[in-house]
């Protein structure tokens, strides 16, 4: 007698997930894990660089030759990343805290980045001399013929005279002071109408240091009361770090981006 219920024959069933799929999925997971680690590492490195915002905390001493002078400077005093390398150069740009005369430190970052704190910085641009006279020497030789005859009393015992319009120094003033046994101190400034409008570099002066260096330095007009101390500090800072360069390297220079020049 035939059963009403059909008997089904047993047969093989394919696995729900193939071996090939498992291998591919495992490889994908490994790839994503590696990529995630790489992205995390790159982000951490980039984040550290971004947090420095172009500054360097390194105090490694770099040996930089400019013309006939060899300078040994801490890395964290050099403003621009592309200049932080030993070797010949046309110029080097520094920034230093005032009055400490030190370079960048993480704990002092606000004084380098905060616009309200920038008046505590002094900016130096060091290059080979192109003029026989520094700013003090140019007072009687050049500036005296470009200034208005009337003089005024300036801050901290300085005498203030304004440049004639059309001389190329429109809006600038020249502040001077007599010094015993030296040329008169001289500094050019774009004095703001209000002290609160002072910038971090509205006064500039250049001096000769070492064998054949010109040091152009800029500071805030709010610091004019410290003019004598700043001038001596800049001269001492560069002078103590400069020495005659070996003759075989003094004529080879690498180009460096310029910031601001003086005349």
C-alpha atoms as a PDB file:
ATOM      1  CA  UNK A   1       0.000   0.000   0.000  1.00  0.00           C
ATOM      2  CA  UNK A   2       1.348   3.366  -1.005  1.00  0.00           C
ATOM      3  CA  UNK A   3       1.747   6.005   1.679  1.00  0.00           C
ATOM      4  CA  UNK A   4      -0.097   9.317   1.244  1.00  0.00           C
ATOM      5  CA  UNK A   5       2.984  11.153   2.528  1.00  0.00           C
ATOM      6  CA  UNK A   6       5.712  11.541  -0.068  1.00  0.00           C
ATOM      7  CA  UNK A   7       9.108  10.548   1.181  1.00  0.00           C
ATOM      8  CA  UNK A   8      11.748  13.116   0.320  1.00  0.00           C
ATOM      9  CA  UNK A   9      15.197  11.939  -0.607  1.00  0.00           C
ATOM     10  CA  UNK A  10      18.060  13.378   1.399  1.00  0.00           C
ATOM     11  CA  UNK A  11      20.366  15.819  -0.507  1.00  0.00           C
ATOM     12  CA  UNK A  12      23.395  18.059   0.218  1.00  0.00           C
ATOM     13  CA  UNK A  13      22.881  21.671   1.418  1.00  0.00           C
ATOM     14  CA  UNK A  14      25.384  24.506   0.482  1.00  0.00           C
ATOM     15  CA  UNK A  15      26.790  26.461   3.508  1.00  0.00           C
ATOM     16  CA  UNK A  16      25.067  29.754   4.235  1.00  0.00           C
ATOM     17  CA  UNK A  17      28.442  31.635   4.223  1.00  0.00           C
ATOM     18  CA  UNK A  18      31.131  30.537   1.803  1.00  0.00           C
ATOM     19  CA  UNK A  19      34.790  30.169   2.722  1.00  0.00           C
ATOM     20  CA  UNK A  20      35.690  32.745   0.065  1.00  0.00           C
ATOM     21  CA  UNK A  21      33.364  35.284   1.659  1.00  0.00           C
ATOM     22  CA  UNK A  22      34.871  34.665   5.103  1.00  0.00           C
ATOM     23  CA  UNK A  23      38.390  35.194   3.768  1.00  0.00           C
ATOM     24  CA  UNK A  24      37.358  38.375   1.977  1.00  0.00           C
ATOM     25  CA  UNK A  25      35.569  39.687   5.059  1.00  0.00           C
ATOM     26  CA  UNK A  26      38.572  38.922   7.264  1.00  0.00           C
ATOM     27  CA  UNK A  27      40.902  40.716   4.867  1.00  0.00           C
ATOM     28  CA  UNK A  28      38.566  43.719   4.791  1.00  0.00           C
ATOM     29  CA  UNK A  29      38.461  43.880   8.587  1.00  0.00           C
ATOM     30  CA  UNK A  30      42.253  43.697   8.770  1.00  0.00           C
ATOM     31  CA  UNK A  31      42.576  46.382   6.108  1.00  0.00           C
ATOM     32  CA  UNK A  32      40.166  48.676   7.951  1.00  0.00           C
ATOM     33  CA  UNK A  33      42.021  48.095  11.223  1.00  0.00           C
ATOM     34  CA  UNK A  34      45.362  48.941   9.628  1.00  0.00           C
ATOM     35  CA  UNK A  35      43.894  51.981   7.869  1.00  0.00           C
ATOM     36  CA  UNK A  36      42.303  53.166  11.107  1.00  0.00           C
ATOM     37  CA  UNK A  37      45.615  52.855  12.939  1.00  0.00           C
ATOM     38  CA  UNK A  38      47.422  54.696  10.154  1.00  0.00           C
ATOM     39  CA  UNK A  39      44.854  57.489  10.130  1.00  0.00           C
ATOM     40  CA  UNK A  40      45.000  57.744  13.915  1.00  0.00           C
ATOM     41  CA  UNK A  41      48.811  57.949  13.861  1.00  0.00           C
ATOM     42  CA  UNK A  42      48.838  60.481  11.020  1.00  0.00           C
ATOM     43  CA  UNK A  43      46.178  62.529  12.787  1.00  0.00           C
ATOM     44  CA  UNK A  44      48.168  62.527  16.003  1.00  0.00           C
ATOM     45  CA  UNK A  45      51.339  63.649  14.202  1.00  0.00           C
ATOM     46  CA  UNK A  46      49.446  66.262  12.184  1.00  0.00           C
ATOM     47  CA  UNK A  47      47.632  67.398  15.312  1.00  0.00           C
ATOM     48  CA  UNK A  48      50.915  67.925  17.124  1.00  0.00           C
ATOM     49  CA  UNK A  49      52.284  69.918  14.183  1.00  0.00           C
ATOM     50  CA  UNK A  50      49.069  71.899  13.954  1.00  0.00           C
ATOM     51  CA  UNK A  51      49.116  72.656  17.657  1.00  0.00           C
ATOM     52  CA  UNK A  52      52.609  74.097  17.296  1.00  0.00           C
ATOM     53  CA  UNK A  53      51.287  76.343  14.496  1.00  0.00           C
ATOM     54  CA  UNK A  54      54.698  76.571  12.872  1.00  0.00           C
ATOM     55  CA  UNK A  55      56.620  76.946  16.135  1.00  0.00           C
ATOM     56  CA  UNK A  56      59.355  74.587  17.272  1.00  0.00           C
ATOM     57  CA  UNK A  57      60.137  73.590  20.851  1.00  0.00           C
ATOM     58  CA  UNK A  58      63.534  72.170  19.887  1.00  0.00           C
ATOM     59  CA  UNK A  59      66.575  73.790  21.476  1.00  0.00           C
ATOM     60  CA  UNK A  60      69.007  72.120  19.108  1.00  0.00           C
ATOM     61  CA  UNK A  61      71.765  74.553  18.139  1.00  0.00           C
ATOM     62  CA  UNK A  62      71.961  75.175  14.391  1.00  0.00           C
ATOM     63  CA  UNK A  63      75.106  76.496  12.679  1.00  0.00           C
ATOM     64  CA  UNK A  64      74.119  79.036  10.023  1.00  0.00           C
ATOM     65  CA  UNK A  65      76.610  80.904   7.862  1.00  0.00           C
ATOM     66  CA  UNK A  66      75.702  84.355   6.561  1.00  0.00           C
ATOM     67  CA  UNK A  67      78.463  85.990   4.557  1.00  0.00           C
ATOM     68  CA  UNK A  68      81.563  86.160   6.736  1.00  0.00           C
ATOM     69  CA  UNK A  69      79.731  85.242   9.943  1.00  0.00           C
ATOM     70  CA  UNK A  70      78.839  81.901  11.507  1.00  0.00           C
ATOM     71  CA  UNK A  71      75.794  82.006  13.786  1.00  0.00           C
ATOM     72  CA  UNK A  72      74.892  79.325  16.330  1.00  0.00           C
ATOM     73  CA  UNK A  73      71.212  79.688  17.122  1.00  0.00           C
ATOM     74  CA  UNK A  74      68.633  77.593  19.034  1.00  0.00           C
ATOM     75  CA  UNK A  75      66.007  76.109  16.710  1.00  0.00           C
ATOM     76  CA  UNK A  76      63.112  77.459  18.794  1.00  0.00           C
ATOM     77  CA  UNK A  77      64.190  81.058  18.152  1.00  0.00           C
ATOM     78  CA  UNK A  78      63.880  80.748  14.347  1.00  0.00           C
ATOM     79  CA  UNK A  79      60.500  81.955  13.057  1.00  0.00           C
ATOM     80  CA  UNK A  80      60.155  80.037   9.805  1.00  0.00           C
ATOM     81  CA  UNK A  81      60.289  76.270   9.462  1.00  0.00           C
ATOM     82  CA  UNK A  82      62.194  76.330   6.161  1.00  0.00           C
ATOM     83  CA  UNK A  83      65.005  78.283   7.843  1.00  0.00           C
ATOM     84  CA  UNK A  84      65.529  75.714  10.613  1.00  0.00           C
ATOM     85  CA  UNK A  85      68.485  73.983   9.020  1.00  0.00           C
ATOM     86  CA  UNK A  86      72.235  74.341   9.379  1.00  0.00           C
ATOM     87  CA  UNK A  87      74.247  75.659   6.444  1.00  0.00           C
ATOM     88  CA  UNK A  88      74.792  78.837   4.419  1.00  0.00           C
ATOM     89  CA  UNK A  89      71.897  81.311   4.190  1.00  0.00           C
ATOM     90  CA  UNK A  90      71.154  84.787   2.901  1.00  0.00           C
ATOM     91  CA  UNK A  91      69.227  85.755   6.022  1.00  0.00           C
ATOM     92  CA  UNK A  92      67.611  84.302   9.121  1.00  0.00           C
ATOM     93  CA  UNK A  93      64.504  85.504  10.958  1.00  0.00           C
ATOM     94  CA  UNK A  94      64.197  85.188  14.731  1.00  0.00           C
ATOM     95  CA  UNK A  95      61.566  85.960  17.337  1.00  0.00           C
ATOM     96  CA  UNK A  96      62.433  86.409  20.986  1.00  0.00           C
ATOM     97  CA  UNK A  97      60.437  87.084  24.101  1.00  0.00           C
ATOM     98  CA  UNK A  98      61.083  90.387  25.810  1.00  0.00           C
ATOM     99  CA  UNK A  99      62.684  90.796  28.282  1.00  0.00           C
ATOM    100  CA  UNK A 100      63.754  87.122  28.535  1.00  0.00           C
ATOM    101  CA  UNK A 101      65.370  87.029  25.058  1.00  0.00           C
ATOM    102  CA  UNK A 102      64.390  83.361  24.712  1.00  0.00           C
ATOM    103  CA  UNK A 103      62.603  81.335  22.029  1.00  0.00           C
ATOM    104  CA  UNK A 104      59.346  79.424  21.839  1.00  0.00           C
ATOM    105  CA  UNK A 105      58.168  77.223  24.694  1.00  0.00           C
ATOM    106  CA  UNK A 106      54.853  75.383  24.900  1.00  0.00           C
ATOM    107  CA  UNK A 107      54.041  76.899  28.285  1.00  0.00           C
ATOM    108  CA  UNK A 108      54.536  80.395  26.844  1.00  0.00           C
ATOM    109  CA  UNK A 109      52.598  79.819  23.639  1.00  0.00           C
ATOM    110  CA  UNK A 110      50.046  82.528  24.363  1.00  0.00           C
ATOM    111  CA  UNK A 111      52.758  85.176  24.279  1.00  0.00           C
ATOM    112  CA  UNK A 112      53.639  84.050  20.740  1.00  0.00           C
ATOM    113  CA  UNK A 113      50.096  83.581  19.399  1.00  0.00           C
ATOM    114  CA  UNK A 114      47.726  85.869  21.281  1.00  0.00           C
ATOM    115  CA  UNK A 115      47.403  89.245  19.560  1.00  0.00           C
ATOM    116  CA  UNK A 116      47.011  90.934  22.919  1.00  0.00           C
ATOM    117  CA  UNK A 117      50.342  89.468  24.033  1.00  0.00           C
ATOM    118  CA  UNK A 118      52.430  90.112  20.911  1.00  0.00           C
ATOM    119  CA  UNK A 119      53.888  93.304  22.341  1.00  0.00           C
ATOM    120  CA  UNK A 120      56.243  91.063  24.356  1.00  0.00           C
ATOM    121  CA  UNK A 121      58.040  89.839  21.219  1.00  0.00           C
ATOM    122  CA  UNK A 122      61.055  91.242  19.403  1.00  0.00           C
ATOM    123  CA  UNK A 123      61.576  90.227  15.761  1.00  0.00           C
ATOM    124  CA  UNK A 124      65.078  90.039  14.286  1.00  0.00           C
ATOM    125  CA  UNK A 125      66.116  89.707  10.663  1.00  0.00           C
ATOM    126  CA  UNK A 126      69.823  88.950  10.257  1.00  0.00           C
ATOM    127  CA  UNK A 127      71.530  89.326   6.890  1.00  0.00           C
ATOM    128  CA  UNK A 128      74.851  90.325   5.361  1.00  0.00           C
ATOM    129  CA  UNK A 129      75.426  94.068   5.415  1.00  0.00           C
ATOM    130  CA  UNK A 130      74.637  95.911   2.194  1.00  0.00           C
ATOM    131  CA  UNK A 131      75.190  99.446   3.545  1.00  0.00           C
ATOM    132  CA  UNK A 132      78.231 100.914   5.223  1.00  0.00           C
ATOM    133  CA  UNK A 133      76.110 102.792   7.776  1.00  0.00           C
ATOM    134  CA  UNK A 134      73.538 101.418  10.192  1.00  0.00           C
ATOM    135  CA  UNK A 135      70.433 103.435  11.091  1.00  0.00           C
ATOM    136  CA  UNK A 136      72.312 105.635  13.571  1.00  0.00           C
ATOM    137  CA  UNK A 137      74.915 106.418  10.919  1.00  0.00           C
ATOM    138  CA  UNK A 138      72.227 107.334   8.378  1.00  0.00           C
ATOM    139  CA  UNK A 139      70.670 110.060  10.554  1.00  0.00           C
ATOM    140  CA  UNK A 140      72.968 112.895   9.428  1.00  0.00           C
ATOM    141  CA  UNK A 141      73.875 111.384   6.055  1.00  0.00           C
ATOM    142  CA  UNK A 142      70.354 110.616   4.794  1.00  0.00           C
ATOM    143  CA  UNK A 143      67.447 111.180   7.162  1.00  0.00           C
ATOM    144  CA  UNK A 144      68.348 114.760   8.115  1.00  0.00           C
ATOM    145  CA  UNK A 145      67.502 115.856   4.554  1.00  0.00           C
ATOM    146  CA  UNK A 146      64.108 114.124   4.608  1.00  0.00           C
ATOM    147  CA  UNK A 147      62.743 115.288   7.964  1.00  0.00           C
ATOM    148  CA  UNK A 148      60.488 118.189   8.847  1.00  0.00           C
ATOM    149  CA  UNK A 149      62.403 120.913  10.696  1.00  0.00           C
ATOM    150  CA  UNK A 150      60.184 120.897  13.775  1.00  0.00           C
ATOM    151  CA  UNK A 151      61.056 118.433  16.545  1.00  0.00           C
ATOM    152  CA  UNK A 152      58.903 117.205  19.428  1.00  0.00           C
ATOM    153  CA  UNK A 153      59.501 115.518  22.748  1.00  0.00           C
ATOM    154  CA  UNK A 154      59.013 111.785  22.440  1.00  0.00           C
ATOM    155  CA  UNK A 155      58.670 109.026  25.039  1.00  0.00           C
ATOM    156  CA  UNK A 156      61.505 108.008  27.367  1.00  0.00           C
ATOM    157  CA  UNK A 157      63.688 111.044  26.606  1.00  0.00           C
ATOM    158  CA  UNK A 158      63.616 110.522  22.815  1.00  0.00           C
ATOM    159  CA  UNK A 159      63.379 113.390  20.342  1.00  0.00           C
ATOM    160  CA  UNK A 160      60.694 112.923  17.677  1.00  0.00           C
ATOM    161  CA  UNK A 161      60.789 114.283  14.132  1.00  0.00           C
ATOM    162  CA  UNK A 162      58.414 113.509  11.291  1.00  0.00           C
ATOM    163  CA  UNK A 163      59.357 112.715   7.707  1.00  0.00           C
ATOM    164  CA  UNK A 164      58.289 115.054   4.943  1.00  0.00           C
ATOM    165  CA  UNK A 165      55.471 113.724   2.722  1.00  0.00           C
ATOM    166  CA  UNK A 166      56.640 112.122  -0.508  1.00  0.00           C
ATOM    167  CA  UNK A 167      60.010 110.996   0.838  1.00  0.00           C
ATOM    168  CA  UNK A 168      59.074 107.319   0.902  1.00  0.00           C
ATOM    169  CA  UNK A 169      58.602 107.358   4.672  1.00  0.00           C
ATOM    170  CA  UNK A 170      55.108 108.810   4.732  1.00  0.00           C
ATOM    171  CA  UNK A 171      53.488 108.497   8.155  1.00  0.00           C
ATOM    172  CA  UNK A 172      56.746 107.482   9.831  1.00  0.00           C
ATOM    173  CA  UNK A 173      58.611 109.292  12.568  1.00  0.00           C
ATOM    174  CA  UNK A 174      62.272 109.184  13.515  1.00  0.00           C
ATOM    175  CA  UNK A 175      63.048 109.087  17.226  1.00  0.00           C
ATOM    176  CA  UNK A 176      66.590 109.802  18.387  1.00  0.00           C
ATOM    177  CA  UNK A 177      68.609 110.135  21.568  1.00  0.00           C
ATOM    178  CA  UNK A 178      72.162 111.254  22.247  1.00  0.00           C
ATOM    179  CA  UNK A 179      74.616 108.667  23.584  1.00  0.00           C
ATOM    180  CA  UNK A 180      78.024 109.332  25.093  1.00  0.00           C
ATOM    181  CA  UNK A 181      80.848 108.145  22.861  1.00  0.00           C
ATOM    182  CA  UNK A 182      78.463 106.692  20.247  1.00  0.00           C
ATOM    183  CA  UNK A 183      76.341 107.810  17.323  1.00  0.00           C
ATOM    184  CA  UNK A 184      72.863 108.941  18.289  1.00  0.00           C
ATOM    185  CA  UNK A 185      70.354 106.187  18.857  1.00  0.00           C
ATOM    186  CA  UNK A 186      67.767 106.194  16.052  1.00  0.00           C
ATOM    187  CA  UNK A 187      64.579 104.211  15.459  1.00  0.00           C
ATOM    188  CA  UNK A 188      61.822 104.605  12.851  1.00  0.00           C
ATOM    189  CA  UNK A 189      58.237 104.121  13.988  1.00  0.00           C
ATOM    190  CA  UNK A 190      54.718 104.192  12.614  1.00  0.00           C
ATOM    191  CA  UNK A 191      53.212 105.589  15.788  1.00  0.00           C
ATOM    192  CA  UNK A 192      49.506 104.781  16.258  1.00  0.00           C
ATOM    193  CA  UNK A 193      46.961 107.427  17.166  1.00  0.00           C
ATOM    194  CA  UNK A 194      46.198 105.441  20.349  1.00  0.00           C
ATOM    195  CA  UNK A 195      48.535 103.251  22.352  1.00  0.00           C
ATOM    196  CA  UNK A 196      45.957 100.435  22.178  1.00  0.00           C
ATOM    197  CA  UNK A 197      46.426 100.364  18.389  1.00  0.00           C
ATOM    198  CA  UNK A 198      50.138  99.562  18.607  1.00  0.00           C
ATOM    199  CA  UNK A 199      51.297  96.516  16.656  1.00  0.00           C
ATOM    200  CA  UNK A 200      54.042  94.035  17.416  1.00  0.00           C
ATOM    201  CA  UNK A 201      56.450  95.630  14.935  1.00  0.00           C
ATOM    202  CA  UNK A 202      55.603  99.298  14.397  1.00  0.00           C
ATOM    203  CA  UNK A 203      59.144 100.370  15.364  1.00  0.00           C
ATOM    204  CA  UNK A 204      62.265  99.185  13.574  1.00  0.00           C
ATOM    205  CA  UNK A 205      65.991  99.780  13.850  1.00  0.00           C
ATOM    206  CA  UNK A 206      69.047  98.154  12.306  1.00  0.00           C
ATOM    207  CA  UNK A 207      72.572  97.777  13.702  1.00  0.00           C
ATOM    208  CA  UNK A 208      75.845  96.222  12.591  1.00  0.00           C
ATOM    209  CA  UNK A 209      77.083  93.181  14.527  1.00  0.00           C
ATOM    210  CA  UNK A 210      79.867  90.653  14.078  1.00  0.00           C
ATOM    211  CA  UNK A 211      82.114  90.629  11.030  1.00  0.00           C
ATOM    212  CA  UNK A 212      79.594  91.858   8.469  1.00  0.00           C
ATOM    213  CA  UNK A 213      76.040  91.409   9.735  1.00  0.00           C
ATOM    214  CA  UNK A 214      73.092  93.758   9.666  1.00  0.00           C
ATOM    215  CA  UNK A 215      70.483  93.043  12.328  1.00  0.00           C
ATOM    216  CA  UNK A 216      67.128  94.636  11.582  1.00  0.00           C
ATOM    217  CA  UNK A 217      64.935  94.344  14.640  1.00  0.00           C
ATOM    218  CA  UNK A 218      61.305  95.303  15.178  1.00  0.00           C
ATOM    219  CA  UNK A 219      59.306  95.814  18.339  1.00  0.00           C
ATOM    220  CA  UNK A 220      56.112  97.446  19.552  1.00  0.00           C
ATOM    221  CA  UNK A 221      55.972 101.193  20.092  1.00  0.00           C
ATOM    222  CA  UNK A 222      54.624 100.316  23.537  1.00  0.00           C
ATOM    223  CA  UNK A 223      58.194  99.256  24.356  1.00  0.00           C
ATOM    224  CA  UNK A 224      59.855 102.548  23.442  1.00  0.00           C
ATOM    225  CA  UNK A 225      60.475 103.145  27.118  1.00  0.00           C
ATOM    226  CA  UNK A 226      62.870 100.173  26.973  1.00  0.00           C
ATOM    227  CA  UNK A 227      64.730 101.403  23.889  1.00  0.00           C
ATOM    228  CA  UNK A 228      68.204 101.416  25.454  1.00  0.00           C
ATOM    229  CA  UNK A 229      67.789  98.001  27.083  1.00  0.00           C
ATOM    230  CA  UNK A 230      66.341  96.451  23.913  1.00  0.00           C
ATOM    231  CA  UNK A 231      69.154  97.809  21.758  1.00  0.00           C
ATOM    232  CA  UNK A 232      71.847  96.428  24.049  1.00  0.00           C
ATOM    233  CA  UNK A 233      70.046  93.099  24.462  1.00  0.00           C
ATOM    234  CA  UNK A 234      69.769  92.572  20.693  1.00  0.00           C
ATOM    235  CA  UNK A 235      73.423  93.519  20.167  1.00  0.00           C
ATOM    236  CA  UNK A 236      74.542  91.146  22.933  1.00  0.00           C
ATOM    237  CA  UNK A 237      72.302  88.284  21.811  1.00  0.00           C
ATOM    238  CA  UNK A 238      73.571  88.220  18.237  1.00  0.00           C
ATOM    239  CA  UNK A 239      77.140  89.203  19.104  1.00  0.00           C
ATOM    240  CA  UNK A 240      77.565  86.320  21.548  1.00  0.00           C
ATOM    241  CA  UNK A 241      76.319  83.828  18.963  1.00  0.00           C
ATOM    242  CA  UNK A 242      78.338  85.100  16.009  1.00  0.00           C
ATOM    243  CA  UNK A 243      81.892  84.173  15.044  1.00  0.00           C
ATOM    244  CA  UNK A 244      84.013  84.539  11.898  1.00  0.00           C
ATOM    245  CA  UNK A 245      82.914  81.951   9.336  1.00  0.00           C
ATOM    246  CA  UNK A 246      85.350  79.497   7.741  1.00  0.00           C
ATOM    247  CA  UNK A 247      86.433  81.012   4.438  1.00  0.00           C
ATOM    248  CA  UNK A 248      85.369  77.972   2.382  1.00  0.00           C
ATOM    249  CA  UNK A 249      81.687  78.374   3.401  1.00  0.00           C
ATOM    250  CA  UNK A 250      81.286  82.133   3.623  1.00  0.00           C
ATOM    251  CA  UNK A 251      80.554  82.599  -0.097  1.00  0.00           C
ATOM    252  CA  UNK A 252      77.944  79.835  -0.491  1.00  0.00           C
ATOM    253  CA  UNK A 253      74.440  80.891   0.483  1.00  0.00           C
ATOM    254  CA  UNK A 254      70.984  79.357   0.148  1.00  0.00           C
ATOM    255  CA  UNK A 255      68.043  81.683  -0.617  1.00  0.00           C
ATOM    256  CA  UNK A 256      65.673  82.382   2.274  1.00  0.00           C
ATOM    257  CA  UNK A 257      62.236  84.025   1.978  1.00  0.00           C
ATOM    258  CA  UNK A 258      62.392  87.683   2.985  1.00  0.00           C
ATOM    259  CA  UNK A 259      60.050  89.401   5.412  1.00  0.00           C
ATOM    260  CA  UNK A 260      60.813  93.087   5.783  1.00  0.00           C
ATOM    261  CA  UNK A 261      63.806  95.230   4.869  1.00  0.00           C
ATOM    262  CA  UNK A 262      65.072  98.590   6.036  1.00  0.00           C
ATOM    263  CA  UNK A 263      66.708 101.680   4.584  1.00  0.00           C
END
